[in-house]
Structures are given as C-alpha cells and as structure tokens.
Amino acid sequence: MKILVIGGTKFIGPSVVRQLSKMGHEVTVFHRGKTTVELPLNVQEILGDRTHITDFKSKFAEISPQVVLDMFPYTENDALMLMKTFKGITQRIVAISSMDVYRAYGVILGRESDVIPLPITEDSPLRSSLYPYRNKSEKPLEGIDDDYEKILVEKVVMSDPDLPGTIVRLPMVYGENDPLNRLFPYLQRMDENRQGIVLEESLAGWRGSYGYVENVGYAIALAVTNERASDRIYHVADTQVLSEAERITKVGEVVRWEGKVVTVPPEKLPPEWKLPVNTKQDWFIDSTRIRQELGYSEIISPEEALQRTIDWQRSHPPQEPDKFAAPWLLDYATEDAILAKLL
C-alpha cells in the first residue's frame, strides 16, 4: 500500500512511519525538513510546508497514495486544505485528533458544568465551547494557535461523501522525544533524593488516560492500513488507568526512590499553588473499539514503556526545565516547609 504521511518527523510520527515500513508499505513523508530524524531507508521524503500544501498537489498525484495520514491537522482550515488537496488523489484520509474534543475536557478547563460520567467512549458528548486555547498566552505545543480546534477538524474530515475519513483520538502520550517532558519534574526530584513530592489531594487522585508513543504509533498504523477503519473514530490508550499519585509512585519504584508522594488538602497550600483546572473531572477513555475492530494490543509492556521513558528523559533533560512545569513542582522552599510539618 502507498501511504503519504503529513508530518511524521517529531514525537509520534516516527513511530508510525517505522511501523508502516515494518508492515511492508511504501511510505512517503511530507515535512518541513526542520527536524532531524532517522527514518527507515526505504521511506521517501518531500520537503514543504503544510500552509502551502495545495502547491504540491501534482507531486502528490504522481505518488498516488491510497491513504493519506495527517499527523497534525490543528485547525478547520488545515482540514479544509487537506480535503481539497487530496480529493481525487487518495482513497481515504486518516486524521490524528485528541481526547480534548470531549465535554469532560471542557469541564476540566472550567468552561463546561456538570462532571461527565466515565470512561469516555467514542460516542461521548463533545465540548460545546470551541477553541480551548484561544486568548491564552501559553499553548501546550508548538504550532497551536488561537484557531486550534480538533472538533472542527474532525467535522471536515468525516463529512465529505467522496473522500472517506478515519479519526484517531489520542490520550496524553509519553515516551522518547516527548516535547512536554511529562516525567521530568518528578524524575528530577527523585534523582535528587528528595524525601517527598507534594500533591494537592484532588490532583493526587485525578485519573487520566496515557499512551506510550510506540504503542500509539502502532495503533495509528493499524487505522491507516485497515480498510475497516473507513468512516470510523477510534481511541487509543493504555488499559491501566492510574491516579496521578499512583503514576508518580510507580516511577519512584522503577528508579528505587526512597521518598513518597505526600497528599495535602488545598487549604494547607499557598495561594500560588492553586490548581488552574478542575480536577474533580477525571479524563480517561475506553479503547475497546480499536482492540476489537482492528486487533490492536500493546506491543510494548507498561513496565518496559516506563523504563524506556525514564532512560530517555535522564539522558535528555529539557533545556528549559521550568517551561512546562507548574509552580508546585519548582518551589522547593515552600515544599520543604510543607514536608517539614507533615513528615
């Protein structure tokens, strides 16, 4: 099968490309050439910017991919240009989305009321409030702007009668090359042999869905190569759903940390440590559909996935360690004062 991947050189993309190549497919990656990554030798590359994707229509027609996988359609316009470019060229579009489309995420952001029952399925209600990062000074990832909205991306991709679509909604993804360095603040504290890590009690008990990057890449590859995925929406996530306290404790067990996670009620924490989100709403998804319909199961065990992530994070500390960390992960002096009263 001929497959064109838009993106594919940063965090999750290389895992998908490797899996597709391993399955024996003919893969071409369209990317800007700004990220150095080692792809399989038989993978072809086209350099270009997605903002000018329509300029490459004749080149894409020469390749004649049977499926086009878009790793990062962030806006409605991204999706419109995608469908315009590939109509008449390809047989199906696969677009990567996020579980941030659900109303539960709107509750977490404080934009929606009423806690949503869990687990979230592919048919759970979506947010009624669009553009989750509009007018926010800090965005979670590079390339996200005020017009970011996966709900609108999905609507465009799944509504064209002449070009079938597939949507894969991702969880919080961890692993090698994680741009958010999700484990770093906790791992750093453990490696510094701190006696405790303080968590506000609602955050300590909060549960969300995660997925290891290689497993997520394999799931996406199955959605790309299986015709049954046409006109379907899928979740991918680890089956085990841990609280944040349990997740951090598990990291500590792997690195043999002798400290512990300390849960503290909000009234005993300084005002600047107040959580910016509503952690009364958990955020975990059911991934039964992709397992039953496409035969997905994890290719990397949870234990190996965590160990690989820890090894990579230790050898690749972020250049700006405070960029993504919350105040309660950096304020050692306040944390030490809290721990002194509790331990």
Protein backbone atom coordinates (compact mmCIF):
# COMPACT_ATOMS: atom_id res chain seq x y z
CA MET A 1 0.00 0.00 0.00
CA LYS A 2 1.21 3.51 -0.82
CA ILE A 3 0.88 5.84 2.15
CA LEU A 4 1.62 9.55 2.45
CA VAL A 5 2.28 10.90 5.95
CA ILE A 6 1.94 14.63 6.59
CA GLY A 7 4.31 15.40 9.44
CA GLY A 8 5.93 12.28 10.79
CA THR A 9 9.30 13.56 11.97
CA LYS A 10 8.75 14.73 15.53
CA PHE A 11 7.35 12.87 18.53
CA ILE A 12 4.71 10.35 17.46
CA GLY A 13 5.22 10.44 13.70
CA PRO A 14 8.50 8.46 13.54
CA SER A 15 6.89 5.61 15.49
CA VAL A 16 4.04 5.48 12.97
CA VAL A 17 6.39 5.61 9.99
CA ARG A 18 8.56 2.82 11.39
CA GLN A 19 5.53 0.62 11.93
CA LEU A 20 4.16 1.25 8.44
CA SER A 21 7.56 0.50 6.91
CA LYS A 22 7.89 -2.65 9.01
CA MET A 23 4.49 -3.79 7.72
CA GLY A 24 5.89 -3.57 4.19
CA HIS A 25 4.11 -0.46 2.97
CA GLU A 26 5.53 2.20 0.66
CA VAL A 27 5.75 5.35 2.79
CA THR A 28 6.40 8.96 1.80
CA VAL A 29 6.70 11.69 4.42
CA PHE A 30 5.81 15.31 3.67
CA HIS A 31 7.52 17.62 6.18
CA ARG A 32 9.33 20.93 6.57
CA GLY A 33 12.80 19.45 6.99
CA LYS A 34 13.32 21.30 10.26
CA THR A 35 13.55 18.17 12.43
CA THR A 36 16.40 15.71 12.11
CA VAL A 37 15.14 12.18 12.50
CA GLU A 38 16.35 8.75 11.42
CA LEU A 39 13.64 7.17 9.29
CA PRO A 40 13.78 3.74 7.59
CA LEU A 41 15.96 3.80 4.47
CA ASN A 42 13.09 2.96 2.12
CA VAL A 43 10.98 5.93 3.26
CA GLN A 44 10.75 8.76 0.73
CA GLU A 45 10.60 12.43 1.74
CA ILE A 46 9.06 15.56 0.25
CA LEU A 47 10.04 18.88 1.80
CA GLY A 48 7.36 21.52 2.12
CA ASP A 49 5.16 23.47 4.50
CA ARG A 50 1.56 22.43 5.06
CA THR A 51 0.47 26.06 4.77
CA HIS A 52 1.27 25.67 1.05
CA ILE A 53 0.11 22.08 0.73
CA THR A 54 -2.08 22.76 -2.31
CA ASP A 55 1.06 23.77 -4.24
CA PHE A 56 2.22 20.15 -4.08
CA LYS A 57 -0.96 18.60 -5.48
CA SER A 58 0.66 17.47 -8.73
CA LYS A 59 3.56 15.91 -6.83
CA PHE A 60 1.14 14.06 -4.56
CA ALA A 61 -0.80 12.88 -7.64
CA GLU A 62 2.40 11.35 -9.01
CA ILE A 63 2.80 9.33 -5.82
CA SER A 64 -0.91 8.40 -5.86
CA PRO A 65 -1.14 7.33 -2.21
CA GLN A 66 -4.01 5.06 -1.30
CA VAL A 67 -4.19 6.56 2.20
CA VAL A 68 -3.05 9.95 3.49
CA LEU A 69 -2.26 10.26 7.20
CA ASP A 70 -2.24 13.79 8.64
CA MET A 71 -0.38 13.80 11.95
CA PHE A 72 -1.14 17.39 12.92
CA PRO A 73 -4.28 18.98 11.48
CA TYR A 74 -4.86 21.64 14.14
CA THR A 75 -7.44 23.95 12.60
CA GLU A 76 -10.56 23.86 10.46
CA ASN A 77 -8.57 25.46 7.65
CA ASP A 78 -5.92 22.73 7.91
CA ALA A 79 -8.65 20.15 7.37
CA LEU A 80 -10.29 22.05 4.51
CA MET A 81 -6.97 22.35 2.66
CA LEU A 82 -6.25 18.69 3.34
CA MET A 83 -9.52 17.52 1.78
CA LYS A 84 -9.22 19.97 -1.13
CA THR A 85 -5.70 18.80 -1.93
CA PHE A 86 -6.31 15.07 -1.84
CA LYS A 87 -9.80 14.68 -3.26
CA GLY A 88 -9.38 12.65 -6.43
CA ILE A 89 -5.87 11.61 -5.42
CA THR A 90 -6.32 9.29 -2.47
CA GLN A 91 -8.93 6.79 -1.28
CA ARG A 92 -9.02 7.73 2.40
CA ILE A 93 -7.83 10.35 4.89
CA VAL A 94 -6.71 9.46 8.43
CA ALA A 95 -6.52 12.45 10.77
CA ILE A 96 -4.99 12.46 14.24
CA SER A 97 -7.16 14.07 16.87
CA SER A 98 -7.21 14.30 20.64
CA MET A 99 -9.39 13.41 23.57
CA ASP A 100 -9.54 17.15 24.23
CA VAL A 101 -12.62 17.17 21.98
CA TYR A 102 -14.79 15.79 24.77
CA ARG A 103 -17.03 17.76 27.08
CA ALA A 104 -15.11 16.31 30.00
CA TYR A 105 -12.13 18.41 28.90
CA GLY A 106 -14.34 21.48 28.89
CA VAL A 107 -15.24 20.69 32.49
CA ILE A 108 -11.55 20.39 33.36
CA LEU A 109 -10.94 23.81 31.81
CA GLY A 110 -13.87 25.27 33.74
CA ARG A 111 -15.78 26.08 30.55
CA GLU A 112 -18.45 23.42 30.99
CA SER A 113 -20.50 22.43 34.03
CA ASP A 114 -21.58 19.03 35.35
CA VAL A 115 -19.00 16.31 35.76
CA ILE A 116 -19.18 13.79 32.90
CA PRO A 117 -19.56 10.03 33.57
CA LEU A 118 -16.54 7.90 32.67
CA PRO A 119 -14.98 6.13 30.90
CA ILE A 120 -15.30 8.25 27.78
CA THR A 121 -16.31 6.34 24.65
CA GLU A 122 -16.13 7.45 21.04
CA ASP A 123 -19.80 8.44 21.34
CA SER A 124 -19.46 10.56 24.48
CA PRO A 125 -20.57 14.22 24.24
CA LEU A 126 -18.16 16.74 22.76
CA ARG A 127 -17.34 20.18 24.10
CA SER A 128 -19.95 22.84 23.44
CA SER A 129 -17.25 25.51 23.89
CA LEU A 130 -14.87 25.74 20.93
CA TYR A 131 -11.26 26.93 20.69
CA PRO A 132 -9.85 25.77 24.06
CA TYR A 133 -6.61 27.76 23.78
CA ARG A 134 -7.94 30.98 22.29
CA ASN A 135 -6.59 34.11 24.01
CA LYS A 136 -4.27 32.06 26.21
CA SER A 137 -0.72 33.35 26.38
CA GLU A 138 0.76 29.87 26.71
CA LYS A 139 -0.13 26.99 24.40
CA PRO A 140 0.59 23.34 25.21
CA LEU A 141 2.52 22.58 22.00
CA GLU A 142 4.40 24.31 19.21
CA GLY A 143 2.16 25.16 16.28
CA ILE A 144 -1.03 25.51 18.31
CA ASP A 145 -2.66 28.92 17.91
CA ASP A 146 -5.97 30.57 18.74
CA ASP A 147 -7.72 28.72 15.90
CA TYR A 148 -6.77 25.26 17.16
CA GLU A 149 -9.89 23.11 17.29
CA LYS A 150 -9.90 19.35 16.72
CA ILE A 151 -13.71 19.24 16.80
CA LEU A 152 -13.84 21.26 13.59
CA VAL A 153 -11.02 19.22 12.05
CA GLU A 154 -12.97 16.04 12.67
CA LYS A 155 -16.18 17.51 11.26
CA VAL A 156 -14.49 18.42 7.98
CA VAL A 157 -12.65 15.10 7.58
CA MET A 158 -15.69 12.96 8.38
CA SER A 159 -18.29 14.86 6.32
CA ASP A 160 -17.02 14.51 2.74
CA PRO A 161 -19.17 11.96 0.86
CA ASP A 162 -16.50 11.48 -1.81
CA LEU A 163 -13.46 11.02 0.43
CA PRO A 164 -13.84 8.71 3.44
CA GLY A 165 -12.13 9.62 6.68
CA THR A 166 -10.83 7.99 9.84
CA ILE A 167 -10.19 9.76 13.14
CA VAL A 168 -7.80 8.53 15.84
CA ARG A 169 -8.17 10.37 19.15
CA LEU A 170 -5.03 10.26 21.25
CA PRO A 171 -4.52 10.38 25.02
CA MET A 172 -1.65 12.08 26.84
CA VAL A 173 1.32 10.47 25.10
CA TYR A 174 4.61 9.79 26.85
CA GLY A 175 7.91 8.28 25.78
CA GLU A 176 11.11 9.14 23.98
CA ASN A 177 11.20 12.66 22.48
CA ASP A 178 8.18 13.83 24.49
CA PRO A 179 8.12 17.61 23.84
CA LEU A 180 6.32 18.19 27.14
CA ASN A 181 8.86 16.21 29.19
CA ARG A 182 5.97 14.87 31.27
CA LEU A 183 8.11 12.82 33.65
CA PHE A 184 10.98 15.23 34.09
CA PRO A 185 9.82 17.32 37.08
CA TYR A 186 9.09 14.19 39.13
CA LEU A 187 12.12 12.24 37.94
CA GLN A 188 14.41 15.18 38.72
CA ARG A 189 13.16 15.32 42.27
CA MET A 190 13.62 11.59 42.70
CA ASP A 191 17.14 11.70 41.30
CA GLU A 192 17.88 14.50 43.78
CA ASN A 193 16.74 12.15 46.57
CA ARG A 194 14.07 14.48 47.86
CA GLN A 195 12.10 12.97 50.72
CA GLY A 196 8.70 13.76 49.30
CA ILE A 197 6.70 15.15 46.41
CA VAL A 198 3.72 17.25 47.47
CA LEU A 199 0.47 16.95 45.52
CA GLU A 200 -2.79 18.74 46.19
CA GLU A 201 -5.24 16.00 47.14
CA SER A 202 -7.60 16.38 44.19
CA LEU A 203 -4.65 16.22 41.78
CA ALA A 204 -3.24 13.19 43.59
CA GLY A 205 -6.49 11.33 42.99
CA TRP A 206 -7.07 12.58 39.44
CA ARG A 207 -7.09 9.94 36.71
CA GLY A 208 -6.36 10.48 33.04
CA SER A 209 -5.52 8.30 30.04
CA TYR A 210 -1.95 7.94 28.85
CA GLY A 211 -0.34 6.04 25.99
CA TYR A 212 3.25 5.07 25.25
CA VAL A 213 4.50 6.54 21.99
CA GLU A 214 5.44 3.26 20.29
CA ASN A 215 2.09 1.69 21.17
CA VAL A 216 0.25 4.76 19.92
CA GLY A 217 2.26 4.65 16.70
CA TYR A 218 1.30 1.01 16.16
CA ALA A 219 -2.38 1.78 16.75
CA ILE A 220 -2.30 4.59 14.21
CA ALA A 221 -0.59 2.31 11.67
CA LEU A 222 -3.42 -0.21 12.08
CA ALA A 223 -6.02 2.51 11.47
CA VAL A 224 -4.14 3.58 8.33
CA THR A 225 -3.79 0.12 6.81
CA ASN A 226 -7.13 -1.50 7.72
CA GLU A 227 -9.99 -0.73 5.34
CA ARG A 228 -12.45 -1.48 8.13
CA ALA A 229 -11.35 1.82 9.73
CA SER A 230 -13.07 3.83 6.99
CA ASP A 231 -15.64 6.26 8.45
CA ARG A 232 -14.72 5.23 11.99
CA ILE A 233 -13.42 7.04 15.07
CA TYR A 234 -11.03 5.29 17.42
CA HIS A 235 -9.42 5.80 20.81
CA VAL A 236 -6.00 4.52 21.75
CA ALA A 237 -4.76 4.47 25.35
CA ASP A 238 -3.22 2.26 27.99
CA THR A 239 -5.77 -0.08 29.55
CA GLN A 240 -4.49 0.67 33.05
CA VAL A 241 -5.73 3.97 34.44
CA LEU A 242 -3.76 5.21 37.45
CA SER A 243 -4.26 8.22 39.67
CA GLU A 244 -1.51 10.81 39.49
CA ALA A 245 -0.23 9.71 42.89
CA GLU A 246 -0.13 6.09 41.74
CA ARG A 247 1.59 7.03 38.49
CA ILE A 248 4.31 9.02 40.25
CA THR A 249 4.75 6.28 42.83
CA LYS A 250 5.27 3.75 40.03
CA VAL A 251 8.01 5.93 38.57
CA GLY A 252 9.58 6.03 42.02
CA GLU A 253 9.51 2.24 42.25
CA VAL A 254 11.34 1.90 38.92
CA VAL A 255 14.12 4.30 39.94
CA ARG A 256 14.18 2.98 43.53
CA TRP A 257 13.28 6.32 45.05
CA GLU A 258 13.07 6.15 48.84
CA GLY A 259 10.74 9.11 49.21
CA LYS A 260 6.97 9.20 48.89
CA VAL A 261 4.12 11.17 47.42
CA VAL A 262 2.53 13.39 50.07
CA THR A 263 -1.11 14.39 49.61
CA VAL A 264 -2.13 17.76 51.05
CA PRO A 265 -5.60 19.41 51.19
CA PRO A 266 -5.85 22.68 49.23
CA GLU A 267 -6.39 24.85 52.29
CA LYS A 268 -2.92 23.93 53.55
CA LEU A 269 -1.20 25.05 50.38
CA PRO A 270 -0.16 28.60 49.43
CA PRO A 271 -2.49 30.54 47.10
CA GLU A 272 0.01 30.43 44.22
CA TRP A 273 -0.23 26.66 44.27
CA LYS A 274 -3.93 26.75 43.42
CA LEU A 275 -4.69 24.41 40.54
CA PRO A 276 -5.70 26.18 37.29
CA VAL A 277 -8.02 23.32 36.28
CA ASN A 278 -10.97 21.41 37.71
CA THR A 279 -9.54 18.08 38.86
CA LYS A 280 -12.92 16.88 40.08
CA GLN A 281 -13.38 15.74 36.48
CA ASP A 282 -11.31 12.68 35.57
CA TRP A 283 -10.35 12.24 31.91
CA PHE A 284 -9.90 8.65 30.82
CA ILE A 285 -11.13 6.84 27.74
CA ASP A 286 -12.27 3.39 26.71
CA SER A 287 -10.17 1.87 23.89
CA THR A 288 -12.25 -1.28 23.33
CA ARG A 289 -13.31 -0.35 19.79
CA ILE A 290 -9.84 -0.30 18.23
CA ARG A 291 -8.92 -3.51 20.05
CA GLN A 292 -11.99 -5.39 18.82
CA GLU A 293 -12.27 -3.98 15.30
CA LEU A 294 -8.61 -3.62 14.31
CA GLY A 295 -6.98 -6.18 16.61
CA TYR A 296 -4.90 -3.62 18.46
CA SER A 297 -2.93 -4.57 21.56
CA GLU A 298 0.18 -3.01 23.08
CA ILE A 299 3.49 -4.09 21.55
CA ILE A 300 5.47 -2.64 24.47
CA SER A 301 4.58 -3.60 28.04
CA PRO A 302 3.79 -0.87 30.60
CA GLU A 303 6.95 -1.74 32.53
CA GLU A 304 9.24 -1.52 29.52
CA ALA A 305 7.49 1.63 28.29
CA LEU A 306 8.11 3.38 31.60
CA GLN A 307 11.73 2.25 31.78
CA ARG A 308 12.42 3.45 28.23
CA THR A 309 10.83 6.81 29.01
CA ILE A 310 12.88 7.21 32.20
CA ASP A 311 16.12 6.29 30.41
CA TRP A 312 15.45 8.78 27.63
CA GLN A 313 14.39 11.57 29.98
CA ARG A 314 17.51 11.17 32.10
CA SER A 315 19.74 11.46 29.04
CA HIS A 316 17.71 14.30 27.50
CA PRO A 317 16.83 16.82 30.23
CA PRO A 318 14.90 19.81 28.87
CA GLN A 319 16.88 22.93 28.09
CA GLU A 320 14.17 25.00 29.77
CA PRO A 321 13.03 22.76 32.65
CA ASP A 322 10.63 25.37 34.01
CA LYS A 323 8.82 25.92 30.71
CA PHE A 324 6.15 23.26 31.23
CA ALA A 325 6.36 22.70 34.98
CA ALA A 326 3.78 24.03 37.38
CA PRO A 327 4.84 26.20 40.35
CA TRP A 328 4.33 23.37 42.84
CA LEU A 329 6.97 21.32 41.00
CA LEU A 330 9.62 24.00 41.20
CA ASP A 331 9.10 25.73 44.51
CA TYR A 332 11.39 23.59 46.64
CA ALA A 333 11.48 26.05 49.54
CA THR A 334 7.71 26.03 50.02
CA GLU A 335 7.54 22.30 49.50
CA ASP A 336 10.25 21.75 52.12
CA ALA A 337 8.26 23.83 54.61
CA ILE A 338 5.15 21.76 53.92
CA LEU A 339 7.04 18.49 54.21
CA ALA A 340 8.64 19.57 57.46
CA LYS A 341 5.18 19.82 59.03
CA LEU A 342 3.94 16.51 57.64
CA LEU A 343 6.89 14.11 57.66
